[in-house]
């Protein structure tokens, strides 16, 4: 193939699709008949009106609205629910609830840290 030759030239210019004879005349007659006053065919406006006001569309929109309201209600309840009010305990009360061995382990651990803090401060 010549590099200057267009590859589409090999396809040719024939059209693979043909319209039947008289198609355009029958089409224009059908359009005129469908748009004539008193035609039994519904207009595009009537079709859109029927689709807009169909009972299935109304039912679907009601279902979507109810589902949305349920999601909002569940979310509001989850966000607004207050945590349960437990009894608050002071540090001294919590320390006194520990066993003697746990108390001494905590005192040993923190007394070493306190001694380090005092030594760093120059006491």
PDB file of N, CA and C in Angstrom:
ATOM      1  N   UNK A   1       0.856  -1.183   0.000  1.00  0.00           N
ATOM      2  CA  UNK A   1       0.000   0.000   0.000  1.00  0.00           C
ATOM      3  C   UNK A   1       0.887   1.226   0.000  1.00  0.00           C
ATOM      4  N   UNK A   2       0.500   2.165  -0.773  1.00  0.00           N
ATOM      5  CA  UNK A   2       1.212   3.428  -0.892  1.00  0.00           C
ATOM      6  C   UNK A   2       1.021   4.226   0.396  1.00  0.00           C
ATOM      7  N   UNK A   3       2.095   4.739   1.024  1.00  0.00           N
ATOM      8  CA  UNK A   3       1.932   5.485   2.277  1.00  0.00           C
ATOM      9  C   UNK A   3       1.119   6.759   2.108  1.00  0.00           C
ATOM     10  N   UNK A   4       1.072   7.289   0.910  1.00  0.00           N
ATOM     11  CA  UNK A   4       0.296   8.516   0.696  1.00  0.00           C
ATOM     12  C   UNK A   4      -1.177   8.223   0.458  1.00  0.00           C
ATOM     13  N   UNK A   5      -1.525   6.974   0.224  1.00  0.00           N
ATOM     14  CA  UNK A   5      -2.904   6.606  -0.068  1.00  0.00           C
ATOM     15  C   UNK A   5      -3.688   6.477   1.245  1.00  0.00           C
ATOM     16  N   UNK A   6      -4.860   7.001   1.265  1.00  0.00           N
ATOM     17  CA  UNK A   6      -5.730   6.947   2.433  1.00  0.00           C
ATOM     18  C   UNK A   6      -6.317   5.542   2.538  1.00  0.00           C
ATOM     19  N   UNK A   7      -6.242   4.886   3.701  1.00  0.00           N
ATOM     20  CA  UNK A   7      -6.781   3.529   3.830  1.00  0.00           C
ATOM     21  C   UNK A   7      -8.296   3.475   3.670  1.00  0.00           C
ATOM     22  N   UNK A   8      -8.975   4.592   3.888  1.00  0.00           N
ATOM     23  CA  UNK A   8     -10.435   4.600   3.732  1.00  0.00           C
ATOM     24  C   UNK A   8     -10.838   4.575   2.257  1.00  0.00           C
ATOM     25  N   UNK A   9      -9.940   4.928   1.374  1.00  0.00           N
ATOM     26  CA  UNK A   9     -10.257   4.882  -0.055  1.00  0.00           C
ATOM     27  C   UNK A   9     -10.507   3.456  -0.521  1.00  0.00           C
ATOM     28  N   UNK A  10      -9.914   2.483   0.141  1.00  0.00           N
ATOM     29  CA  UNK A  10     -10.092   1.087  -0.239  1.00  0.00           C
ATOM     30  C   UNK A  10     -11.503   0.609   0.055  1.00  0.00           C
ATOM     31  N   UNK A  11     -12.173   1.238   1.004  1.00  0.00           N
ATOM     32  CA  UNK A  11     -13.535   0.825   1.353  1.00  0.00           C
ATOM     33  C   UNK A  11     -14.506   1.211   0.249  1.00  0.00           C
ATOM     34  N   UNK A  12     -14.326   2.334  -0.304  1.00  0.00           N
ATOM     35  CA  UNK A  12     -15.239   2.795  -1.337  1.00  0.00           C
ATOM     36  C   UNK A  12     -16.257   3.751  -0.777  1.00  0.00           C
ATOM     37  N   UNK A  13     -17.133   4.222  -1.651  1.00  0.00           N
ATOM     38  CA  UNK A  13     -18.111   5.217  -1.219  1.00  0.00           C
ATOM     39  C   UNK A  13     -19.534   4.709  -1.359  1.00  0.00           C
ATOM     40  N   UNK A  14     -19.721   3.438  -1.368  1.00  0.00           N
ATOM     41  CA  UNK A  14     -21.085   2.924  -1.476  1.00  0.00           C
ATOM     42  C   UNK A  14     -21.748   2.966  -0.099  1.00  0.00           C
ATOM     43  N   UNK A  15     -23.021   3.103  -0.063  1.00  0.00           N
ATOM     44  CA  UNK A  15     -23.796   3.172   1.174  1.00  0.00           C
ATOM     45  C   UNK A  15     -24.447   1.813   1.414  1.00  0.00           C
ATOM     46  N   UNK A  16     -24.193   1.192   2.537  1.00  0.00           N
ATOM     47  CA  UNK A  16     -24.743  -0.144   2.780  1.00  0.00           C
ATOM     48  C   UNK A  16     -26.225  -0.119   3.157  1.00  0.00           C
ATOM     49  N   UNK A  17     -26.769   1.026   3.502  1.00  0.00           N
ATOM     50  CA  UNK A  17     -28.162   1.106   3.935  1.00  0.00           C
ATOM     51  C   UNK A  17     -28.989   1.787   2.849  1.00  0.00           C
ATOM     52  N   UNK A  18     -30.146   1.226   2.606  1.00  0.00           N
ATOM     53  CA  UNK A  18     -31.051   1.813   1.624  1.00  0.00           C
ATOM     54  C   UNK A  18     -32.447   1.907   2.228  1.00  0.00           C
ATOM     55  N   UNK A  19     -33.160   2.968   1.863  1.00  0.00           N
ATOM     56  CA  UNK A  19     -34.537   3.115   2.294  1.00  0.00           C
ATOM     57  C   UNK A  19     -35.440   2.474   1.254  1.00  0.00           C
ATOM     58  N   UNK A  20     -36.536   1.868   1.727  1.00  0.00           N
ATOM     59  CA  UNK A  20     -37.484   1.314   0.756  1.00  0.00           C
ATOM     60  C   UNK A  20     -38.086   2.435  -0.094  1.00  0.00           C
ATOM     61  N   UNK A  21     -38.529   2.076  -1.258  1.00  0.00           N
ATOM     62  CA  UNK A  21     -39.150   3.061  -2.147  1.00  0.00           C
ATOM     63  C   UNK A  21     -40.401   3.637  -1.497  1.00  0.00           C
ATOM     64  N   UNK A  22     -40.530   4.969  -1.545  1.00  0.00           N
ATOM     65  CA  UNK A  22     -41.706   5.657  -1.022  1.00  0.00           C
ATOM     66  C   UNK A  22     -41.714   5.823   0.488  1.00  0.00           C
ATOM     67  N   UNK A  23     -40.603   5.512   1.138  1.00  0.00           N
ATOM     68  CA  UNK A  23     -40.548   5.600   2.606  1.00  0.00           C
ATOM     69  C   UNK A  23     -40.779   7.025   3.100  1.00  0.00           C
ATOM     70  N   UNK A  24     -40.135   7.990   2.487  1.00  0.00           N
ATOM     71  CA  UNK A  24     -40.261   9.372   2.938  1.00  0.00           C
ATOM     72  C   UNK A  24     -41.678   9.894   2.758  1.00  0.00           C
ATOM     73  N   UNK A  25     -42.349   9.501   1.683  1.00  0.00           N
ATOM     74  CA  UNK A  25     -43.726   9.957   1.477  1.00  0.00           C
ATOM     75  C   UNK A  25     -44.651   9.354   2.534  1.00  0.00           C
ATOM     76  N   UNK A  26     -44.473   8.074   2.814  1.00  0.00           N
ATOM     77  CA  UNK A  26     -45.316   7.434   3.838  1.00  0.00           C
ATOM     78  C   UNK A  26     -45.003   8.006   5.222  1.00  0.00           C
ATOM     79  N   UNK A  27     -43.745   8.334   5.477  1.00  0.00           N
ATOM     80  CA  UNK A  27     -43.374   8.899   6.760  1.00  0.00           C
ATOM     81  C   UNK A  27     -44.021  10.263   6.956  1.00  0.00           C
ATOM     82  N   UNK A  28     -43.962  11.107   5.952  1.00  0.00           N
ATOM     83  CA  UNK A  28     -44.570  12.433   6.108  1.00  0.00           C
ATOM     84  C   UNK A  28     -46.078  12.318   6.261  1.00  0.00           C
ATOM     85  N   UNK A  29     -46.724  11.388   5.550  1.00  0.00           N
ATOM     86  CA  UNK A  29     -48.170  11.196   5.720  1.00  0.00           C
ATOM     87  C   UNK A  29     -48.491  10.708   7.129  1.00  0.00           C
ATOM     88  N   UNK A  30     -47.666   9.829   7.679  1.00  0.00           N
ATOM     89  CA  UNK A  30     -47.908   9.317   9.032  1.00  0.00           C
ATOM     90  C   UNK A  30     -47.733  10.414  10.076  1.00  0.00           C
ATOM     91  N   UNK A  31     -46.742  11.286   9.890  1.00  0.00           N
ATOM     92  CA  UNK A  31     -46.528  12.392  10.830  1.00  0.00           C
ATOM     93  C   UNK A  31     -47.695  13.356  10.789  1.00  0.00           C
ATOM     94  N   UNK A  32     -48.165  13.690   9.599  1.00  0.00           N
ATOM     95  CA  UNK A  32     -49.298  14.602   9.466  1.00  0.00           C
ATOM     96  C   UNK A  32     -50.539  13.997  10.091  1.00  0.00           C
ATOM     97  N   UNK A  33     -50.766  12.705   9.894  1.00  0.00           N
ATOM     98  CA  UNK A  33     -51.944  12.052  10.465  1.00  0.00           C
ATOM     99  C   UNK A  33     -51.868  12.009  11.991  1.00  0.00           C
ATOM    100  N   UNK A  34     -50.675  11.801  12.536  1.00  0.00           N
ATOM    101  CA  UNK A  34     -50.536  11.712  13.985  1.00  0.00           C
ATOM    102  C   UNK A  34     -50.681  13.065  14.663  1.00  0.00           C
ATOM    103  N   UNK A  35     -50.341  14.124  13.960  1.00  0.00           N
ATOM    104  CA  UNK A  35     -50.418  15.446  14.569  1.00  0.00           C
ATOM    105  C   UNK A  35     -51.697  16.185  14.214  1.00  0.00           C
ATOM    106  N   UNK A  36     -52.557  15.570  13.441  1.00  0.00           N
ATOM    107  CA  UNK A  36     -53.798  16.229  13.042  1.00  0.00           C
ATOM    108  C   UNK A  36     -54.728  16.375  14.241  1.00  0.00           C
ATOM    109  N   UNK A  37     -55.587  17.403  14.206  1.00  0.00           N
ATOM    110  CA  UNK A  37     -56.564  17.637  15.265  1.00  0.00           C
ATOM    111  C   UNK A  37     -57.532  16.466  15.279  1.00  0.00           C
ATOM    112  N   UNK A  38     -57.823  15.970  16.466  1.00  0.00           N
ATOM    113  CA  UNK A  38     -58.734  14.844  16.593  1.00  0.00           C
ATOM    114  C   UNK A  38     -58.039  13.514  16.378  1.00  0.00           C
ATOM    115  N   UNK A  39     -56.749  13.493  16.356  1.00  0.00           N
ATOM    116  CA  UNK A  39     -56.003  12.261  16.160  1.00  0.00           C
ATOM    117  C   UNK A  39     -56.148  11.364  17.386  1.00  0.00           C
ATOM    118  N   UNK A  40     -56.153  10.085  17.157  1.00  0.00           N
ATOM    119  CA  UNK A  40     -56.274   9.128  18.268  1.00  0.00           C
ATOM    120  C   UNK A  40     -54.932   8.908  18.962  1.00  0.00           C
ATOM    121  N   UNK A  41     -53.862   9.384  18.380  1.00  0.00           N
ATOM    122  CA  UNK A  41     -52.549   9.237  18.995  1.00  0.00           C
ATOM    123  C   UNK A  41     -52.366  10.323  20.056  1.00  0.00           C
ATOM    124  N   UNK A  42     -51.844   9.947  21.248  1.00  0.00           N
ATOM    125  CA  UNK A  42     -51.617  10.980  22.279  1.00  0.00           C
ATOM    126  C   UNK A  42     -50.425  11.856  21.898  1.00  0.00           C
ATOM    127  N   UNK A  43     -50.517  13.102  22.268  1.00  0.00           N
ATOM    128  CA  UNK A  43     -49.420  14.031  22.003  1.00  0.00           C
ATOM    129  C   UNK A  43     -48.290  13.779  23.005  1.00  0.00           C
ATOM    130  N   UNK A  44     -47.100  14.258  22.722  1.00  0.00           N
ATOM    131  CA  UNK A  44     -46.002  14.095  23.684  1.00  0.00           C
ATOM    132  C   UNK A  44     -46.309  14.725  25.038  1.00  0.00           C
ATOM    133  N   UNK A  45     -47.071  15.807  25.048  1.00  0.00           N
ATOM    134  CA  UNK A  45     -47.442  16.441  26.314  1.00  0.00           C
ATOM    135  C   UNK A  45     -48.357  15.527  27.123  1.00  0.00           C
ATOM    136  N   UNK A  46     -49.295  14.874  26.437  1.00  0.00           N
ATOM    137  CA  UNK A  46     -50.193  13.950  27.132  1.00  0.00           C
ATOM    138  C   UNK A  46     -49.434  12.750  27.684  1.00  0.00           C
ATOM    139  N   UNK A  47     -48.495  12.260  26.920  1.00  0.00           N
ATOM    140  CA  UNK A  47     -47.705  11.121  27.381  1.00  0.00           C
ATOM    141  C   UNK A  47     -46.895  11.507  28.614  1.00  0.00           C
ATOM    142  N   UNK A  48     -46.268  12.675  28.586  1.00  0.00           N
ATOM    143  CA  UNK A  48     -45.487  13.135  29.736  1.00  0.00           C
ATOM    144  C   UNK A  48     -46.387  13.334  30.954  1.00  0.00           C
ATOM    145  N   UNK A  49     -47.583  13.864  30.746  1.00  0.00           N
ATOM    146  CA  UNK A  49     -48.519  14.076  31.845  1.00  0.00           C
ATOM    147  C   UNK A  49     -48.925  12.738  32.466  1.00  0.00           C
ATOM    148  N   UNK A  50     -49.195  11.740  31.612  1.00  0.00           N
ATOM    149  CA  UNK A  50     -49.568  10.422  32.123  1.00  0.00           C
ATOM    150  C   UNK A  50     -48.425   9.799  32.924  1.00  0.00           C
ATOM    151  N   UNK A  51     -47.203   9.933  32.433  1.00  0.00           N
ATOM    152  CA  UNK A  51     -46.063   9.364  33.149  1.00  0.00           C
ATOM    153  C   UNK A  51     -45.815  10.079  34.467  1.00  0.00           C
ATOM    154  N   UNK A  52     -46.006  11.387  34.462  1.00  0.00           N
ATOM    155  CA  UNK A  52     -45.769  12.183  35.660  1.00  0.00           C
ATOM    156  C   UNK A  52     -46.797  11.870  36.736  1.00  0.00           C
ATOM    157  N   UNK A  53     -48.015  11.548  36.351  1.00  0.00           N
ATOM    158  CA  UNK A  53     -49.096  11.343  37.315  1.00  0.00           C
ATOM    159  C   UNK A  53     -49.481   9.879  37.458  1.00  0.00           C
ATOM    160  N   UNK A  54     -48.592   8.958  37.139  1.00  0.00           N
ATOM    161  CA  UNK A  54     -48.929   7.542  37.235  1.00  0.00           C
ATOM    162  C   UNK A  54     -48.975   7.111  38.698  1.00  0.00           C
ATOM    163  N   UNK A  55     -49.833   6.147  39.026  1.00  0.00           N
ATOM    164  CA  UNK A  55     -49.916   5.684  40.419  1.00  0.00           C
ATOM    165  C   UNK A  55     -48.620   5.004  40.883  1.00  0.00           C
ATOM    166  N   UNK A  56     -47.915   4.343  39.981  1.00  0.00           N
ATOM    167  CA  UNK A  56     -46.664   3.689  40.368  1.00  0.00           C
ATOM    168  C   UNK A  56     -45.607   4.719  40.754  1.00  0.00           C
ATOM    169  N   UNK A  57     -45.586   5.824  40.042  1.00  0.00           N
ATOM    170  CA  UNK A  57     -44.625   6.877  40.369  1.00  0.00           C
ATOM    171  C   UNK A  57     -44.969   7.481  41.728  1.00  0.00           C
ATOM    172  N   UNK A  58     -46.253   7.691  41.989  1.00  0.00           N
ATOM    173  CA  UNK A  58     -46.682   8.231  43.279  1.00  0.00           C
ATOM    174  C   UNK A  58     -46.318   7.267  44.405  1.00  0.00           C
ATOM    175  N   UNK A  59     -46.543   5.989  44.195  1.00  0.00           N
ATOM    176  CA  UNK A  59     -46.218   4.987  45.209  1.00  0.00           C
ATOM    177  C   UNK A  59     -44.708   4.924  45.450  1.00  0.00           C
ATOM    178  N   UNK A  60     -43.942   4.982  44.373  1.00  0.00           N
ATOM    179  CA  UNK A  60     -42.479   4.945  44.503  1.00  0.00           C
ATOM    180  C   UNK A  60     -41.971   6.169  45.267  1.00  0.00           C
ATOM    181  N   UNK A  61     -42.507   7.349  44.950  1.00  0.00           N
ATOM    182  CA  UNK A  61     -42.075   8.559  45.647  1.00  0.00           C
ATOM    183  C   UNK A  61     -42.473   8.515  47.131  1.00  0.00           C
ATOM    184  N   UNK A  62     -43.647   7.965  47.441  1.00  0.00           N
ATOM    185  CA  UNK A  62     -44.066   7.835  48.836  1.00  0.00           C
ATOM    186  C   UNK A  62     -43.139   6.889  49.588  1.00  0.00           C
ATOM    187  N   UNK A  63     -42.743   5.789  48.943  1.00  0.00           N
ATOM    188  CA  UNK A  63     -41.821   4.840  49.569  1.00  0.00           C
ATOM    189  C   UNK A  63     -40.464   5.486  49.822  1.00  0.00           C
ATOM    190  N   UNK A  64     -39.963   6.227  48.863  1.00  0.00           N
ATOM    191  CA  UNK A  64     -38.669   6.895  49.026  1.00  0.00           C
ATOM    192  C   UNK A  64     -38.745   7.920  50.160  1.00  0.00           C
ATOM    193  N   UNK A  65     -39.836   8.655  50.239  1.00  0.00           N
ATOM    194  CA  UNK A  65     -40.004   9.628  51.315  1.00  0.00           C
ATOM    195  C   UNK A  65     -40.064   8.971  52.685  1.00  0.00           C
ATOM    196  N   UNK A  66     -40.797   7.848  52.780  1.00  0.00           N
ATOM    197  CA  UNK A  66     -40.896   7.147  54.065  1.00  0.00           C
ATOM    198  C   UNK A  66     -39.545   6.567  54.474  1.00  0.00           C
ATOM    199  N   UNK A  67     -38.810   6.015  53.518  1.00  0.00           N
ATOM    200  CA  UNK A  67     -37.491   5.459  53.830  1.00  0.00           C
ATOM    201  C   UNK A  67     -36.531   6.561  54.272  1.00  0.00           C
ATOM    202  N   UNK A  68     -36.587   7.706  53.617  1.00  0.00           N
ATOM    203  CA  UNK A  68     -35.724   8.829  54.003  1.00  0.00           C
ATOM    204  C   UNK A  68     -36.063   9.323  55.403  1.00  0.00           C
ATOM    205  N   UNK A  69     -37.348   9.416  55.704  1.00  0.00           N
ATOM    206  CA  UNK A  69     -37.758   9.857  57.036  1.00  0.00           C
ATOM    207  C   UNK A  69     -37.305   8.865  58.106  1.00  0.00           C
ATOM    208  N   UNK A  70     -37.366   7.575  57.798  1.00  0.00           N
ATOM    209  CA  UNK A  70     -36.926   6.559  58.761  1.00  0.00           C
ATOM    210  C   UNK A  70     -35.425   6.661  59.010  1.00  0.00           C
ATOM    211  N   UNK A  71     -34.659   6.879  57.961  1.00  0.00           N
ATOM    212  CA  UNK A  71     -33.206   7.013  58.122  1.00  0.00           C
ATOM    213  C   UNK A  71     -32.871   8.241  58.963  1.00  0.00           C
ATOM    214  N   UNK A  72     -33.553   9.342  58.710  1.00  0.00           N
ATOM    215  CA  UNK A  72     -33.308  10.563  59.487  1.00  0.00           C
ATOM    216  C   UNK A  72     -33.701  10.349  60.945  1.00  0.00           C
ATOM    217  N   UNK A  73     -34.822   9.668  61.197  1.00  0.00           N
ATOM    218  CA  UNK A  73     -35.267   9.436  62.570  1.00  0.00           C
ATOM    219  C   UNK A  73     -34.281   8.548  63.323  1.00  0.00           C
ATOM    220  N   UNK A  74     -33.816   7.485  62.688  1.00  0.00           N
ATOM    221  CA  UNK A  74     -32.856   6.592  63.344  1.00  0.00           C
ATOM    222  C   UNK A  74     -31.549   7.334  63.611  1.00  0.00           C
ATOM    223  N   UNK A  75     -31.097   8.139  62.659  1.00  0.00           N
ATOM    224  CA  UNK A  75     -29.875   8.906  62.864  1.00  0.00           C
ATOM    225  C   UNK A  75     -30.016   9.909  63.986  1.00  0.00           C
ATOM    226  N   UNK A  76     -31.171  10.576  64.065  1.00  0.00           N
ATOM    227  CA  UNK A  76     -31.389  11.561  65.125  1.00  0.00           C
ATOM    228  C   UNK A  76     -31.409  10.891  66.496  1.00  0.00           C
ATOM    229  N   UNK A  77     -32.052   9.746  66.583  1.00  0.00           N
ATOM    230  CA  UNK A  77     -32.103   9.035  67.865  1.00  0.00           C
ATOM    231  C   UNK A  77     -30.707   8.595  68.276  1.00  0.00           C
ATOM    232  N   UNK A  78     -29.923   8.104  67.306  1.00  0.00           N
ATOM    233  CA  UNK A  78     -28.569   7.645  67.624  1.00  0.00           C
ATOM    234  C   UNK A  78     -27.672   8.806  68.057  1.00  0.00           C
ATOM    235  N   UNK A  79     -27.832   9.961  67.433  1.00  0.00           N
ATOM    236  CA  UNK A  79     -26.983  11.106  67.780  1.00  0.00           C
ATOM    237  C   UNK A  79     -27.406  11.791  69.065  1.00  0.00           C
ATOM    238  N   UNK A  80     -28.699  11.817  69.328  1.00  0.00           N
ATOM    239  CA  UNK A  80     -29.193  12.568  70.483  1.00  0.00           C
ATOM    240  C   UNK A  80     -29.282  11.738  71.759  1.00  0.00           C
ATOM    241  N   UNK A  81     -29.084  10.438  71.637  1.00  0.00           N
ATOM    242  CA  UNK A  81     -29.174   9.599  72.826  1.00  0.00           C
ATOM    243  C   UNK A  81     -28.002   9.904  73.749  1.00  0.00           C
ATOM    244  N   UNK A  82     -28.320  10.183  75.008  1.00  0.00           N
ATOM    245  CA  UNK A  82     -27.274  10.526  75.967  1.00  0.00           C
ATOM    246  C   UNK A  82     -26.665   9.248  76.511  1.00  0.00           C
ATOM    247  N   UNK A  83     -25.377   9.252  76.769  1.00  0.00           N
ATOM    248  CA  UNK A  83     -24.765   8.054  77.344  1.00  0.00           C
ATOM    249  C   UNK A  83     -25.285   7.823  78.753  1.00  0.00           C
ATOM    250  N   UNK A  84     -25.264   6.573  79.170  1.00  0.00           N
ATOM    251  CA  UNK A  84     -25.785   6.260  80.503  1.00  0.00           C
ATOM    252  C   UNK A  84     -24.923   6.942  81.564  1.00  0.00           C
ATOM    253  N   UNK A  85     -25.582   7.431  82.565  1.00  0.00           N
ATOM    254  CA  UNK A  85     -24.902   8.151  83.634  1.00  0.00           C
ATOM    255  C   UNK A  85     -24.385   7.132  84.648  1.00  0.00           C
ATOM    256  N   UNK A  86     -23.099   6.883  84.638  1.00  0.00           N
ATOM    257  CA  UNK A  86     -22.489   5.978  85.605  1.00  0.00           C
ATOM    258  C   UNK A  86     -22.096   6.750  86.853  1.00  0.00           C
ATOM    259  N   UNK A  87     -21.711   6.013  87.881  1.00  0.00           N
ATOM    260  CA  UNK A  87     -21.279   6.690  89.095  1.00  0.00           C
ATOM    261  C   UNK A  87     -19.838   7.119  88.897  1.00  0.00           C
ATOM    262  N   UNK A  88     -19.553   8.338  89.205  1.00  0.00           N
ATOM    263  CA  UNK A  88     -18.191   8.834  89.078  1.00  0.00           C
ATOM    264  C   UNK A  88     -17.442   8.536  90.373  1.00  0.00           C
ATOM    265  N   UNK A  89     -16.191   8.176  90.204  1.00  0.00           N
ATOM    266  CA  UNK A  89     -15.361   7.795  91.344  1.00  0.00           C
ATOM    267  C   UNK A  89     -14.143   8.693  91.346  1.00  0.00           C
ATOM    268  N   UNK A  90     -13.794   9.186  92.511  1.00  0.00           N
ATOM    269  CA  UNK A  90     -12.595  10.004  92.612  1.00  0.00           C
ATOM    270  C   UNK A  90     -11.364   9.103  92.592  1.00  0.00           C
ATOM    271  N   UNK A  91     -10.203   9.700  92.438  1.00  0.00           N
ATOM    272  CA  UNK A  91      -8.951   8.941  92.396  1.00  0.00           C
ATOM    273  C   UNK A  91      -8.719   8.254  93.741  1.00  0.00           C
ATOM    274  N   UNK A  92      -9.011   8.939  94.827  1.00  0.00           N
ATOM    275  CA  UNK A  92      -8.796   8.347  96.160  1.00  0.00           C
ATOM    276  C   UNK A  92      -9.712   7.144  96.369  1.00  0.00           C
ATOM    277  N   UNK A  93     -10.970   7.243  95.891  1.00  0.00           N
ATOM    278  CA  UNK A  93     -11.897   6.114  96.042  1.00  0.00           C
ATOM    279  C   UNK A  93     -11.444   4.932  95.191  1.00  0.00           C
ATOM    280  N   UNK A  94     -10.981   5.211  93.984  1.00  0.00           N
ATOM    281  CA  UNK A  94     -10.511   4.132  93.116  1.00  0.00           C
ATOM    282  C   UNK A  94      -9.269   3.479  93.717  1.00  0.00           C
ATOM    283  N   UNK A  95      -8.374   4.268  94.286  1.00  0.00           N
ATOM    284  CA  UNK A  95      -7.159   3.732  94.895  1.00  0.00           C
ATOM    285  C   UNK A  95      -7.503   2.859  96.099  1.00  0.00           C
ATOM    286  N   UNK A  96      -8.499   3.274  96.872  1.00  0.00           N
ATOM    287  CA  UNK A  96      -8.865   2.491  98.058  1.00  0.00           C
ATOM    288  C   UNK A  96      -9.571   1.191  97.673  1.00  0.00           C
ATOM    289  N   UNK A  97     -10.127   1.101  96.470  1.00  0.00           N
ATOM    290  CA  UNK A  97     -10.769  -0.135  96.017  1.00  0.00           C
ATOM    291  C   UNK A  97      -9.756  -1.179  95.548  1.00  0.00           C
ATOM    292  N   UNK A  98      -8.490  -0.798  95.372  1.00  0.00           N
ATOM    293  CA  UNK A  98      -7.460  -1.734  94.938  1.00  0.00           C
ATOM    294  C   UNK A  98      -7.001  -2.606  96.106  1.00  0.00           C
ATOM    295  N   UNK A  99      -6.443  -3.756  95.765  1.00  0.00           N
ATOM    296  CA  UNK A  99      -5.883  -4.627  96.809  1.00  0.00           C
ATOM    297  C   UNK A  99      -4.598  -4.001  97.353  1.00  0.00           C
ATOM    298  N   UNK A 100      -4.157  -4.526  98.486  1.00  0.00           N
ATOM    299  CA  UNK A 100      -2.957  -3.975  99.113  1.00  0.00           C
ATOM    300  C   UNK A 100      -1.733  -4.132  98.210  1.00  0.00           C
ATOM    301  N   UNK A 101      -1.614  -5.257  97.513  1.00  0.00           N
ATOM    302  CA  UNK A 101      -0.445  -5.473  96.656  1.00  0.00           C
ATOM    303  C   UNK A 101      -0.479  -4.512  95.457  1.00  0.00           C
ATOM    304  N   UNK A 102      -1.679  -4.259  94.898  1.00  0.00           N
ATOM    305  CA  UNK A 102      -1.775  -3.314  93.791  1.00  0.00           C
ATOM    306  C   UNK A 102      -1.463  -1.888  94.243  1.00  0.00           C
ATOM    307  N   UNK A 103      -1.912  -1.543  95.462  1.00  0.00           N
ATOM    308  CA  UNK A 103      -1.626  -0.209  95.988  1.00  0.00           C
ATOM    309  C   UNK A 103      -0.131  -0.008  96.168  1.00  0.00           C
ATOM    310  N   UNK A 104       0.549  -1.025  96.727  1.00  0.00           N
ATOM    311  CA  UNK A 104       1.990  -0.876  96.949  1.00  0.00           C
ATOM    312  C   UNK A 104       2.742  -0.845  95.620  1.00  0.00           C
ATOM    313  N   UNK A 105       2.284  -1.609  94.610  1.00  0.00           N
ATOM    314  CA  UNK A 105       2.951  -1.584  93.303  1.00  0.00           C
ATOM    315  C   UNK A 105       2.815  -0.203  92.666  1.00  0.00           C
ATOM    316  N   UNK A 106       1.653   0.390  92.765  1.00  0.00           N
ATOM    317  CA  UNK A 106       1.451   1.733  92.207  1.00  0.00           C
ATOM    318  C   UNK A 106       2.295   2.767  92.949  1.00  0.00           C
ATOM    319  N   UNK A 107       2.335   2.660  94.274  1.00  0.00           N
ATOM    320  CA  UNK A 107       3.120   3.614  95.046  1.00  0.00           C
ATOM    321  C   UNK A 107       4.600   3.490  94.732  1.00  0.00           C
ATOM    322  N   UNK A 108       5.081   2.251  94.548  1.00  0.00           N
ATOM    323  CA  UNK A 108       6.488   2.060  94.199  1.00  0.00           C
ATOM    324  C   UNK A 108       6.793   2.669  92.832  1.00  0.00           C
ATOM    325  N   UNK A 109       5.896   2.446  91.879  1.00  0.00           N
ATOM    326  CA  UNK A 109       6.124   2.951  90.521  1.00  0.00           C
ATOM    327  C   UNK A 109       6.109   4.475  90.491  1.00  0.00           C
ATOM    328  N   UNK A 110       5.157   5.065  91.163  1.00  0.00           N
ATOM    329  CA  UNK A 110       5.050   6.514  91.119  1.00  0.00           C
ATOM    330  C   UNK A 110       6.018   7.215  92.064  1.00  0.00           C
ATOM    331  N   UNK A 111       6.451   6.545  93.139  1.00  0.00           N
ATOM    332  CA  UNK A 111       7.411   7.196  94.032  1.00  0.00           C
ATOM    333  C   UNK A 111       8.755   7.330  93.334  1.00  0.00           C
ATOM    334  N   UNK A 112       9.089   6.376  92.485  1.00  0.00           N
ATOM    335  CA  UNK A 112      10.326   6.479  91.714  1.00  0.00           C
ATOM    336  C   UNK A 112      10.235   7.668  90.749  1.00  0.00           C
ATOM    337  N   UNK A 113       9.093   7.840  90.099  1.00  0.00           N
ATOM    338  CA  UNK A 113       8.920   8.969  89.184  1.00  0.00           C
ATOM    339  C   UNK A 113       8.934  10.288  89.943  1.00  0.00           C
ATOM    340  N   UNK A 114       8.301  10.311  91.093  1.00  0.00           N
ATOM    341  CA  UNK A 114       8.297  11.539  91.884  1.00  0.00           C
ATOM    342  C   UNK A 114       9.707  11.894  92.331  1.00  0.00           C
ATOM    343  N   UNK A 115      10.491  10.874  92.731  1.00  0.00           N
ATOM    344  CA  UNK A 115      11.866  11.125  93.143  1.00  0.00           C
ATOM    345  C   UNK A 115      12.673  11.673  91.989  1.00  0.00           C
ATOM    346  N   UNK A 116      12.414  11.170  90.774  1.00  0.00           N
ATOM    347  CA  UNK A 116      13.123  11.672  89.605  1.00  0.00           C
ATOM    348  C   UNK A 116      12.726  13.116  89.326  1.00  0.00           C
ATOM    349  N   UNK A 117      11.443  13.430  89.492  1.00  0.00           N
ATOM    350  CA  UNK A 117      10.980  14.798  89.249  1.00  0.00           C
ATOM    351  C   UNK A 117      11.589  15.757  90.267  1.00  0.00           C
ATOM    352  N   UNK A 118      11.642  15.328  91.530  1.00  0.00           N
ATOM    353  CA  UNK A 118      12.219  16.200  92.542  1.00  0.00           C
ATOM    354  C   UNK A 118      13.708  16.390  92.324  1.00  0.00           C
ATOM    355  N   UNK A 119      14.378  15.316  91.875  1.00  0.00           N
ATOM    356  CA  UNK A 119      15.831  15.425  91.646  1.00  0.00           C
ATOM    357  C   UNK A 119      16.101  16.369  90.472  1.00  0.00           C
ATOM    358  N   UNK A 120      15.234  16.318  89.438  1.00  0.00           N
ATOM    359  CA  UNK A 120      15.419  17.208  88.292  1.00  0.00           C
ATOM    360  C   UNK A 120      15.148  18.658  88.681  1.00  0.00           C
ATOM    361  N   UNK A 121      14.254  18.847  89.640  1.00  0.00           N
ATOM    362  CA  UNK A 121      13.904  20.209  90.044  1.00  0.00           C
ATOM    363  C   UNK A 121      14.929  20.782  91.019  1.00  0.00           C
ATOM    364  N   UNK A 122      15.845  19.964  91.519  1.00  0.00           N
ATOM    365  CA  UNK A 122      16.877  20.458  92.433  1.00  0.00           C
ATOM    366  C   UNK A 122      16.492  20.402  93.873  1.00  0.00           C
ATOM    367  N   UNK A 123      15.536  19.579  94.254  1.00  0.00           N
ATOM    368  CA  UNK A 123      15.142  19.463  95.669  1.00  0.00           C
ATOM    369  C   UNK A 123      15.992  18.491  96.398  1.00  0.00           C
TER     370      UNK A 123
END
